[in-house]
Amino acid sequence: MTLECYSCARTAVLDELPPRERVAVDEHWRVAHAFGAGLLGWLVLLPRRHVLSIAELTDDEAAALGHWQVRLSRALTEETGCRKVYVAQFAEAPGFGHVHFHLVPRPRELAEELRGPRVFGLLGDEAGPSERERDEFALRLASRLGRSASSQDRFSS
């Protein structure tokens, strides 16, 4: 873990993070609501250790990744009523080289010019959901994830 990395610095103070930055956590992954996104429910799935490439994931991290992507997509679909959930990984923005996956609920009414990879046009939207709205959403989603977890589920929210 490197504290020069934004993601690692936030994970280092996990217990102090607001709900929007710890929607769910397990031994390998942390789920946060994206900041600066013009869409409520835009999530980021981050490995808890410093990883710069998907190829660096351990087998256990990779197995958990698939589980989290499906589980979060289902919860987002139920919570938002979205048509589908986009999943993308680039980790190219300055200061954000730590691998992270965007899970973006695509609303039914999303304008055609913002569909597919163009949805990233909604990042950097200062008029997006407030911290309070993101915290409230995070708590609802965490509750939904908790309800959907089976007794054999090895992931906690």
N, C-alpha and C. Protein backbone atom coordinates (compact mmCIF):
# COMPACT_ATOMS: atom_id res chain seq x y z
N MET A 1 0.86 -1.18 0.00
CA MET A 1 0.00 0.00 0.00
C MET A 1 0.90 1.24 0.00
N THR A 2 0.57 2.16 -0.86
CA THR A 2 1.33 3.40 -0.91
C THR A 2 0.40 4.58 -0.62
N LEU A 3 0.78 5.40 0.34
CA LEU A 3 -0.08 6.51 0.73
C LEU A 3 0.00 7.68 -0.25
N GLU A 4 0.93 7.62 -1.23
CA GLU A 4 0.95 8.64 -2.27
C GLU A 4 -0.20 8.40 -3.25
N CYS A 5 -0.76 7.25 -3.22
CA CYS A 5 -1.87 6.85 -4.09
C CYS A 5 -3.18 7.26 -3.40
N TYR A 6 -4.04 7.99 -4.11
CA TYR A 6 -5.32 8.43 -3.53
C TYR A 6 -6.12 7.25 -2.99
N SER A 7 -6.25 6.20 -3.78
CA SER A 7 -7.05 5.04 -3.36
C SER A 7 -6.47 4.38 -2.12
N CYS A 8 -5.16 4.21 -2.09
CA CYS A 8 -4.52 3.60 -0.92
C CYS A 8 -4.64 4.48 0.32
N ALA A 9 -4.50 5.78 0.13
CA ALA A 9 -4.63 6.70 1.27
C ALA A 9 -6.02 6.61 1.87
N ARG A 10 -7.04 6.50 1.04
CA ARG A 10 -8.42 6.39 1.54
C ARG A 10 -8.63 5.03 2.22
N THR A 11 -8.11 3.96 1.64
CA THR A 11 -8.27 2.64 2.24
C THR A 11 -7.54 2.55 3.57
N ALA A 12 -6.45 3.30 3.73
CA ALA A 12 -5.69 3.28 4.98
C ALA A 12 -6.49 3.81 6.16
N VAL A 13 -7.49 4.62 5.89
CA VAL A 13 -8.33 5.17 6.96
C VAL A 13 -9.77 4.66 6.82
N LEU A 14 -9.89 3.41 6.45
CA LEU A 14 -11.17 2.78 6.14
C LEU A 14 -12.25 3.03 7.18
N ASP A 15 -11.91 2.88 8.45
CA ASP A 15 -12.91 3.04 9.51
C ASP A 15 -13.39 4.48 9.67
N GLU A 16 -12.65 5.42 9.12
CA GLU A 16 -13.02 6.84 9.22
C GLU A 16 -13.80 7.33 8.01
N LEU A 17 -13.91 6.52 6.99
CA LEU A 17 -14.54 6.96 5.75
C LEU A 17 -16.06 7.09 5.90
N PRO A 18 -16.66 8.06 5.22
CA PRO A 18 -18.12 8.18 5.23
C PRO A 18 -18.74 7.04 4.42
N PRO A 19 -20.02 6.79 4.59
CA PRO A 19 -20.68 5.68 3.89
C PRO A 19 -20.44 5.67 2.38
N ARG A 20 -20.38 6.84 1.75
CA ARG A 20 -20.21 6.90 0.29
C ARG A 20 -18.86 6.33 -0.15
N GLU A 21 -17.89 6.24 0.76
CA GLU A 21 -16.57 5.72 0.39
C GLU A 21 -16.33 4.30 0.88
N ARG A 22 -17.33 3.72 1.51
CA ARG A 22 -17.23 2.33 1.96
C ARG A 22 -18.61 1.66 1.89
N VAL A 23 -19.15 1.66 0.69
CA VAL A 23 -20.45 1.03 0.46
C VAL A 23 -20.39 -0.43 0.89
N ALA A 24 -19.30 -1.08 0.54
CA ALA A 24 -19.07 -2.48 0.90
C ALA A 24 -17.56 -2.73 0.90
N VAL A 25 -17.15 -3.69 1.72
CA VAL A 25 -15.73 -4.00 1.84
C VAL A 25 -15.58 -5.48 2.14
N ASP A 26 -14.59 -6.09 1.52
CA ASP A 26 -14.20 -7.44 1.93
C ASP A 26 -12.68 -7.47 2.05
N GLU A 27 -12.10 -8.62 2.16
CA GLU A 27 -10.66 -8.69 2.38
C GLU A 27 -9.85 -8.19 1.18
N HIS A 28 -10.44 -8.18 -0.02
CA HIS A 28 -9.71 -7.79 -1.22
C HIS A 28 -10.18 -6.49 -1.87
N TRP A 29 -11.44 -6.12 -1.69
CA TRP A 29 -12.05 -5.04 -2.45
C TRP A 29 -12.80 -4.05 -1.57
N ARG A 30 -12.87 -2.82 -2.05
CA ARG A 30 -13.68 -1.77 -1.43
C ARG A 30 -14.56 -1.16 -2.51
N VAL A 31 -15.81 -0.88 -2.17
CA VAL A 31 -16.75 -0.26 -3.09
C VAL A 31 -17.04 1.14 -2.58
N ALA A 32 -16.92 2.12 -3.47
CA ALA A 32 -17.20 3.51 -3.12
C ALA A 32 -18.13 4.11 -4.17
N HIS A 33 -18.87 5.13 -3.75
CA HIS A 33 -19.64 5.90 -4.72
C HIS A 33 -18.68 6.90 -5.33
N ALA A 34 -18.67 7.02 -6.64
CA ALA A 34 -17.76 7.95 -7.32
C ALA A 34 -18.07 9.38 -6.93
N PHE A 35 -17.04 10.20 -6.85
CA PHE A 35 -17.24 11.63 -6.63
C PHE A 35 -17.08 12.33 -7.98
N GLY A 36 -17.70 13.47 -8.13
CA GLY A 36 -17.60 14.21 -9.38
C GLY A 36 -18.33 13.57 -10.54
N ALA A 37 -19.24 12.65 -10.24
CA ALA A 37 -20.02 11.99 -11.29
C ALA A 37 -21.42 12.58 -11.30
N GLY A 38 -21.93 12.86 -12.46
CA GLY A 38 -23.24 13.47 -12.59
C GLY A 38 -24.38 12.46 -12.54
N LEU A 39 -24.15 11.33 -11.90
CA LEU A 39 -25.16 10.28 -11.88
C LEU A 39 -25.14 9.58 -10.52
N LEU A 40 -26.25 9.59 -9.83
CA LEU A 40 -26.35 8.90 -8.55
C LEU A 40 -26.27 7.39 -8.80
N GLY A 41 -25.42 6.73 -8.02
CA GLY A 41 -25.27 5.29 -8.14
C GLY A 41 -24.01 4.87 -8.90
N TRP A 42 -23.23 5.83 -9.39
CA TRP A 42 -21.98 5.51 -10.10
C TRP A 42 -21.00 5.00 -9.06
N LEU A 43 -20.65 3.74 -9.14
CA LEU A 43 -19.77 3.11 -8.16
C LEU A 43 -18.36 2.90 -8.71
N VAL A 44 -17.43 2.76 -7.77
CA VAL A 44 -16.05 2.41 -8.10
C VAL A 44 -15.68 1.22 -7.22
N LEU A 45 -15.15 0.19 -7.85
CA LEU A 45 -14.71 -1.03 -7.17
C LEU A 45 -13.18 -1.04 -7.22
N LEU A 46 -12.54 -1.01 -6.02
CA LEU A 46 -11.08 -0.86 -5.94
C LEU A 46 -10.45 -1.99 -5.14
N PRO A 47 -9.33 -2.52 -5.62
CA PRO A 47 -8.61 -3.49 -4.78
C PRO A 47 -8.06 -2.76 -3.55
N ARG A 48 -8.03 -3.44 -2.43
CA ARG A 48 -7.57 -2.82 -1.19
C ARG A 48 -6.05 -2.69 -1.14
N ARG A 49 -5.36 -3.45 -1.95
CA ARG A 49 -3.90 -3.29 -2.01
C ARG A 49 -3.56 -2.53 -3.29
N HIS A 50 -2.36 -1.97 -3.32
CA HIS A 50 -1.94 -1.16 -4.46
C HIS A 50 -1.68 -2.05 -5.67
N VAL A 51 -2.47 -1.88 -6.70
CA VAL A 51 -2.38 -2.66 -7.94
C VAL A 51 -2.49 -1.68 -9.10
N LEU A 52 -1.57 -1.76 -10.06
CA LEU A 52 -1.59 -0.84 -11.20
C LEU A 52 -2.06 -1.49 -12.50
N SER A 53 -2.24 -2.81 -12.49
CA SER A 53 -2.67 -3.52 -13.69
C SER A 53 -3.53 -4.71 -13.28
N ILE A 54 -4.52 -5.01 -14.08
CA ILE A 54 -5.36 -6.17 -13.81
C ILE A 54 -4.50 -7.43 -13.74
N ALA A 55 -3.45 -7.49 -14.53
CA ALA A 55 -2.57 -8.66 -14.55
C ALA A 55 -1.90 -8.89 -13.19
N GLU A 56 -1.86 -7.88 -12.34
CA GLU A 56 -1.23 -8.00 -11.01
C GLU A 56 -2.17 -8.60 -9.96
N LEU A 57 -3.45 -8.77 -10.29
CA LEU A 57 -4.39 -9.33 -9.31
C LEU A 57 -4.01 -10.77 -8.97
N THR A 58 -4.19 -11.12 -7.72
CA THR A 58 -4.01 -12.52 -7.32
C THR A 58 -5.22 -13.31 -7.81
N ASP A 59 -5.12 -14.62 -7.79
CA ASP A 59 -6.26 -15.44 -8.19
C ASP A 59 -7.47 -15.19 -7.29
N ASP A 60 -7.23 -15.02 -5.99
CA ASP A 60 -8.33 -14.74 -5.07
C ASP A 60 -8.98 -13.39 -5.36
N GLU A 61 -8.15 -12.38 -5.64
CA GLU A 61 -8.70 -11.05 -5.99
C GLU A 61 -9.51 -11.13 -7.28
N ALA A 62 -9.01 -11.87 -8.25
CA ALA A 62 -9.70 -11.99 -9.53
C ALA A 62 -11.04 -12.71 -9.37
N ALA A 63 -11.06 -13.76 -8.57
CA ALA A 63 -12.32 -14.48 -8.33
C ALA A 63 -13.33 -13.58 -7.64
N ALA A 64 -12.87 -12.83 -6.66
CA ALA A 64 -13.77 -11.92 -5.95
C ALA A 64 -14.24 -10.78 -6.86
N LEU A 65 -13.39 -10.34 -7.77
CA LEU A 65 -13.76 -9.28 -8.72
C LEU A 65 -15.00 -9.67 -9.51
N GLY A 66 -15.00 -10.84 -10.07
CA GLY A 66 -16.15 -11.28 -10.85
C GLY A 66 -17.41 -11.34 -10.01
N HIS A 67 -17.27 -11.84 -8.82
CA HIS A 67 -18.43 -11.90 -7.91
C HIS A 67 -18.96 -10.51 -7.60
N TRP A 68 -18.05 -9.57 -7.27
CA TRP A 68 -18.47 -8.22 -6.94
C TRP A 68 -19.12 -7.52 -8.14
N GLN A 69 -18.57 -7.69 -9.33
CA GLN A 69 -19.15 -7.01 -10.49
C GLN A 69 -20.59 -7.46 -10.73
N VAL A 70 -20.85 -8.73 -10.62
CA VAL A 70 -22.20 -9.24 -10.82
C VAL A 70 -23.10 -8.83 -9.67
N ARG A 71 -22.63 -9.00 -8.47
CA ARG A 71 -23.44 -8.66 -7.28
C ARG A 71 -23.81 -7.17 -7.26
N LEU A 72 -22.84 -6.31 -7.55
CA LEU A 72 -23.11 -4.87 -7.57
C LEU A 72 -24.04 -4.50 -8.73
N SER A 73 -23.85 -5.13 -9.87
CA SER A 73 -24.73 -4.86 -11.01
C SER A 73 -26.18 -5.22 -10.68
N ARG A 74 -26.37 -6.34 -10.03
CA ARG A 74 -27.73 -6.74 -9.62
C ARG A 74 -28.32 -5.74 -8.63
N ALA A 75 -27.52 -5.36 -7.63
CA ALA A 75 -28.02 -4.42 -6.62
C ALA A 75 -28.33 -3.06 -7.24
N LEU A 76 -27.48 -2.59 -8.15
CA LEU A 76 -27.73 -1.30 -8.81
C LEU A 76 -28.99 -1.37 -9.66
N THR A 77 -29.18 -2.47 -10.36
CA THR A 77 -30.39 -2.63 -11.19
C THR A 77 -31.64 -2.59 -10.31
N GLU A 78 -31.60 -3.28 -9.18
CA GLU A 78 -32.75 -3.29 -8.28
C GLU A 78 -32.97 -1.91 -7.66
N GLU A 79 -31.90 -1.24 -7.23
CA GLU A 79 -32.02 0.03 -6.53
C GLU A 79 -32.41 1.18 -7.46
N THR A 80 -31.88 1.18 -8.68
CA THR A 80 -32.11 2.32 -9.57
C THR A 80 -33.14 2.06 -10.66
N GLY A 81 -33.44 0.79 -10.94
CA GLY A 81 -34.32 0.47 -12.05
C GLY A 81 -33.66 0.69 -13.41
N CYS A 82 -32.33 0.76 -13.41
CA CYS A 82 -31.59 1.02 -14.65
C CYS A 82 -31.78 -0.12 -15.64
N ARG A 83 -31.55 0.18 -16.89
CA ARG A 83 -31.68 -0.79 -17.97
C ARG A 83 -30.51 -1.78 -17.96
N LYS A 84 -29.32 -1.28 -17.68
CA LYS A 84 -28.11 -2.11 -17.60
C LYS A 84 -27.07 -1.37 -16.80
N VAL A 85 -26.00 -2.06 -16.45
CA VAL A 85 -24.90 -1.46 -15.71
C VAL A 85 -23.65 -1.58 -16.58
N TYR A 86 -23.03 -0.44 -16.85
CA TYR A 86 -21.76 -0.43 -17.57
C TYR A 86 -20.64 -0.76 -16.60
N VAL A 87 -19.64 -1.50 -17.06
CA VAL A 87 -18.44 -1.78 -16.28
C VAL A 87 -17.24 -1.39 -17.13
N ALA A 88 -16.38 -0.55 -16.58
CA ALA A 88 -15.21 -0.08 -17.33
C ALA A 88 -14.01 0.05 -16.40
N GLN A 89 -12.81 -0.13 -16.96
CA GLN A 89 -11.58 0.02 -16.20
C GLN A 89 -10.54 0.65 -17.11
N PHE A 90 -10.01 1.80 -16.69
CA PHE A 90 -8.94 2.46 -17.43
C PHE A 90 -7.77 2.81 -16.51
N ALA A 91 -8.04 3.48 -15.38
CA ALA A 91 -7.02 3.87 -14.40
C ALA A 91 -5.89 4.67 -15.04
N GLU A 92 -6.25 5.67 -15.83
CA GLU A 92 -5.27 6.48 -16.54
C GLU A 92 -5.22 7.93 -16.08
N ALA A 93 -6.21 8.40 -15.33
CA ALA A 93 -6.23 9.80 -14.91
C ALA A 93 -5.07 10.07 -13.95
N PRO A 94 -4.44 11.23 -14.05
CA PRO A 94 -3.34 11.55 -13.13
C PRO A 94 -3.78 11.40 -11.67
N GLY A 95 -2.98 10.65 -10.90
CA GLY A 95 -3.29 10.42 -9.50
C GLY A 95 -4.22 9.25 -9.25
N PHE A 96 -4.70 8.63 -10.32
CA PHE A 96 -5.66 7.52 -10.18
C PHE A 96 -5.22 6.31 -10.99
N GLY A 97 -3.92 5.99 -10.94
CA GLY A 97 -3.39 4.83 -11.65
C GLY A 97 -3.71 3.50 -10.99
N HIS A 98 -4.12 3.56 -9.71
CA HIS A 98 -4.54 2.37 -8.97
C HIS A 98 -5.73 1.75 -9.71
N VAL A 99 -5.65 0.48 -10.02
CA VAL A 99 -6.74 -0.18 -10.75
C VAL A 99 -8.06 0.06 -10.04
N HIS A 100 -9.07 0.42 -10.80
CA HIS A 100 -10.43 0.56 -10.26
C HIS A 100 -11.42 0.36 -11.40
N PHE A 101 -12.55 -0.18 -11.05
CA PHE A 101 -13.60 -0.49 -12.02
C PHE A 101 -14.78 0.43 -11.77
N HIS A 102 -15.25 1.06 -12.81
CA HIS A 102 -16.45 1.89 -12.74
C HIS A 102 -17.64 1.00 -13.02
N LEU A 103 -18.65 1.07 -12.16
CA LEU A 103 -19.93 0.41 -12.39
C LEU A 103 -20.97 1.50 -12.46
N VAL A 104 -21.49 1.71 -13.65
CA VAL A 104 -22.34 2.86 -13.92
C VAL A 104 -23.75 2.39 -14.28
N PRO A 105 -24.73 2.70 -13.44
CA PRO A 105 -26.11 2.32 -13.79
C PRO A 105 -26.58 3.21 -14.95
N ARG A 106 -26.96 2.58 -16.06
CA ARG A 106 -27.40 3.34 -17.22
C ARG A 106 -28.92 3.54 -17.14
N PRO A 107 -29.35 4.76 -16.78
CA PRO A 107 -30.79 5.00 -16.69
C PRO A 107 -31.47 4.80 -18.04
N ARG A 108 -32.71 4.38 -17.98
CA ARG A 108 -33.49 4.17 -19.21
C ARG A 108 -33.55 5.45 -20.04
N GLU A 109 -33.62 6.59 -19.37
CA GLU A 109 -33.79 7.87 -20.07
C GLU A 109 -32.47 8.57 -20.40
N LEU A 110 -31.34 7.90 -20.22
CA LEU A 110 -30.05 8.53 -20.50
C LEU A 110 -29.99 8.92 -21.98
N ALA A 111 -29.60 10.16 -22.22
CA ALA A 111 -29.51 10.67 -23.60
C ALA A 111 -28.60 9.79 -24.44
N GLU A 112 -28.97 9.59 -25.66
CA GLU A 112 -28.19 8.75 -26.60
C GLU A 112 -26.73 9.19 -26.67
N GLU A 113 -26.47 10.49 -26.63
CA GLU A 113 -25.10 10.98 -26.76
C GLU A 113 -24.25 10.69 -25.52
N LEU A 114 -24.85 10.16 -24.45
CA LEU A 114 -24.11 9.80 -23.24
C LEU A 114 -24.06 8.29 -23.02
N ARG A 115 -24.51 7.52 -23.97
CA ARG A 115 -24.52 6.06 -23.80
C ARG A 115 -23.18 5.44 -24.18
N GLY A 116 -22.94 4.25 -23.65
CA GLY A 116 -21.67 3.57 -23.92
C GLY A 116 -20.53 4.33 -23.26
N PRO A 117 -19.35 4.32 -23.88
CA PRO A 117 -18.19 4.98 -23.26
C PRO A 117 -18.37 6.49 -23.12
N ARG A 118 -19.33 7.06 -23.84
CA ARG A 118 -19.58 8.50 -23.72
C ARG A 118 -20.18 8.87 -22.37
N VAL A 119 -20.59 7.87 -21.59
CA VAL A 119 -21.12 8.15 -20.26
C VAL A 119 -20.06 8.86 -19.40
N PHE A 120 -18.78 8.68 -19.75
CA PHE A 120 -17.72 9.33 -19.00
C PHE A 120 -17.78 10.85 -19.17
N GLY A 121 -18.60 11.34 -20.08
CA GLY A 121 -18.86 12.77 -20.18
C GLY A 121 -19.55 13.31 -18.94
N LEU A 122 -20.11 12.42 -18.11
CA LEU A 122 -20.76 12.83 -16.87
C LEU A 122 -19.78 12.96 -15.70
N LEU A 123 -18.52 12.55 -15.90
CA LEU A 123 -17.53 12.73 -14.84
C LEU A 123 -17.07 14.18 -14.83
N GLY A 124 -16.75 14.66 -13.65
CA GLY A 124 -16.32 16.04 -13.50
C GLY A 124 -17.49 17.00 -13.39
N ASP A 125 -18.67 16.44 -13.14
CA ASP A 125 -19.89 17.25 -13.02
C ASP A 125 -20.03 17.73 -11.59
N GLU A 126 -19.69 18.98 -11.36
CA GLU A 126 -19.77 19.55 -10.02
C GLU A 126 -21.21 19.67 -9.53
N ALA A 127 -22.17 19.64 -10.44
CA ALA A 127 -23.58 19.74 -10.06
C ALA A 127 -24.18 18.36 -9.83
N GLY A 128 -23.34 17.34 -9.73
CA GLY A 128 -23.83 15.99 -9.52
C GLY A 128 -24.38 15.80 -8.13
N PRO A 129 -24.65 14.55 -7.77
CA PRO A 129 -25.22 14.27 -6.44
C PRO A 129 -24.35 14.81 -5.31
N SER A 130 -25.00 15.33 -4.29
CA SER A 130 -24.29 15.88 -3.13
C SER A 130 -23.71 14.74 -2.28
N GLU A 131 -22.84 15.10 -1.34
CA GLU A 131 -22.30 14.10 -0.42
C GLU A 131 -23.43 13.42 0.35
N ARG A 132 -24.40 14.21 0.79
CA ARG A 132 -25.54 13.64 1.53
C ARG A 132 -26.29 12.63 0.66
N GLU A 133 -26.55 12.98 -0.59
CA GLU A 133 -27.26 12.07 -1.50
C GLU A 133 -26.46 10.79 -1.74
N ARG A 134 -25.15 10.95 -1.90
CA ARG A 134 -24.30 9.76 -2.11
C ARG A 134 -24.23 8.91 -0.85
N ASP A 135 -24.18 9.53 0.33
CA ASP A 135 -24.19 8.76 1.58
C ASP A 135 -25.50 8.00 1.73
N GLU A 136 -26.61 8.66 1.48
CA GLU A 136 -27.92 8.00 1.60
C GLU A 136 -28.03 6.84 0.62
N PHE A 137 -27.58 7.05 -0.62
CA PHE A 137 -27.61 5.98 -1.61
C PHE A 137 -26.72 4.82 -1.15
N ALA A 138 -25.52 5.15 -0.66
CA ALA A 138 -24.58 4.12 -0.21
C ALA A 138 -25.19 3.27 0.90
N LEU A 139 -25.88 3.90 1.83
CA LEU A 139 -26.51 3.16 2.93
C LEU A 139 -27.63 2.26 2.42
N ARG A 140 -28.42 2.76 1.47
CA ARG A 140 -29.49 1.92 0.88
C ARG A 140 -28.89 0.73 0.14
N LEU A 141 -27.84 0.99 -0.63
CA LEU A 141 -27.22 -0.10 -1.40
C LEU A 141 -26.55 -1.11 -0.48
N ALA A 142 -25.88 -0.62 0.56
CA ALA A 142 -25.25 -1.52 1.53
C ALA A 142 -26.30 -2.42 2.18
N SER A 143 -27.44 -1.85 2.51
CA SER A 143 -28.53 -2.63 3.09
C SER A 143 -29.02 -3.67 2.10
N ARG A 144 -29.18 -3.27 0.86
CA ARG A 144 -29.64 -4.19 -0.19
C ARG A 144 -28.62 -5.32 -0.38
N LEU A 145 -27.35 -4.98 -0.39
CA LEU A 145 -26.31 -6.00 -0.52
C LEU A 145 -26.33 -6.96 0.66
N GLY A 146 -26.57 -6.43 1.85
CA GLY A 146 -26.66 -7.27 3.04
C GLY A 146 -27.83 -8.23 2.98
N ARG A 147 -28.97 -7.74 2.46
CA ARG A 147 -30.16 -8.59 2.32
C ARG A 147 -29.97 -9.66 1.26
N SER A 148 -29.16 -9.36 0.23
CA SER A 148 -29.01 -10.32 -0.87
C SER A 148 -27.92 -11.35 -0.60
N ALA A 149 -27.14 -11.13 0.44
CA ALA A 149 -26.05 -12.06 0.74
C ALA A 149 -26.61 -13.34 1.34
N SER A 150 -26.18 -14.47 0.81
CA SER A 150 -26.62 -15.75 1.37
C SER A 150 -25.77 -16.07 2.59
N SER A 151 -26.20 -17.03 3.35
CA SER A 151 -25.44 -17.41 4.54
C SER A 151 -24.09 -18.00 4.16
N GLN A 152 -23.92 -18.44 2.91
CA GLN A 152 -22.66 -18.98 2.48
C GLN A 152 -21.80 -17.94 1.77
N ASP A 153 -22.30 -16.74 1.63
CA ASP A 153 -21.58 -15.69 0.93
C ASP A 153 -20.37 -15.29 1.77
N ARG A 154 -19.20 -15.30 1.19
CA ARG A 154 -17.98 -14.97 1.94
C ARG A 154 -17.66 -13.49 1.89
N PHE A 155 -18.54 -12.68 1.33
CA PHE A 155 -18.30 -11.24 1.21
C PHE A 155 -19.22 -10.52 2.18
N SER A 156 -18.68 -9.51 2.84
CA SER A 156 -19.50 -8.74 3.76
C SER A 156 -19.67 -7.34 3.24
N SER A 157 -20.77 -6.71 3.62
CA SER A 157 -20.99 -5.32 3.21
C SER A 157 -21.00 -4.44 4.43
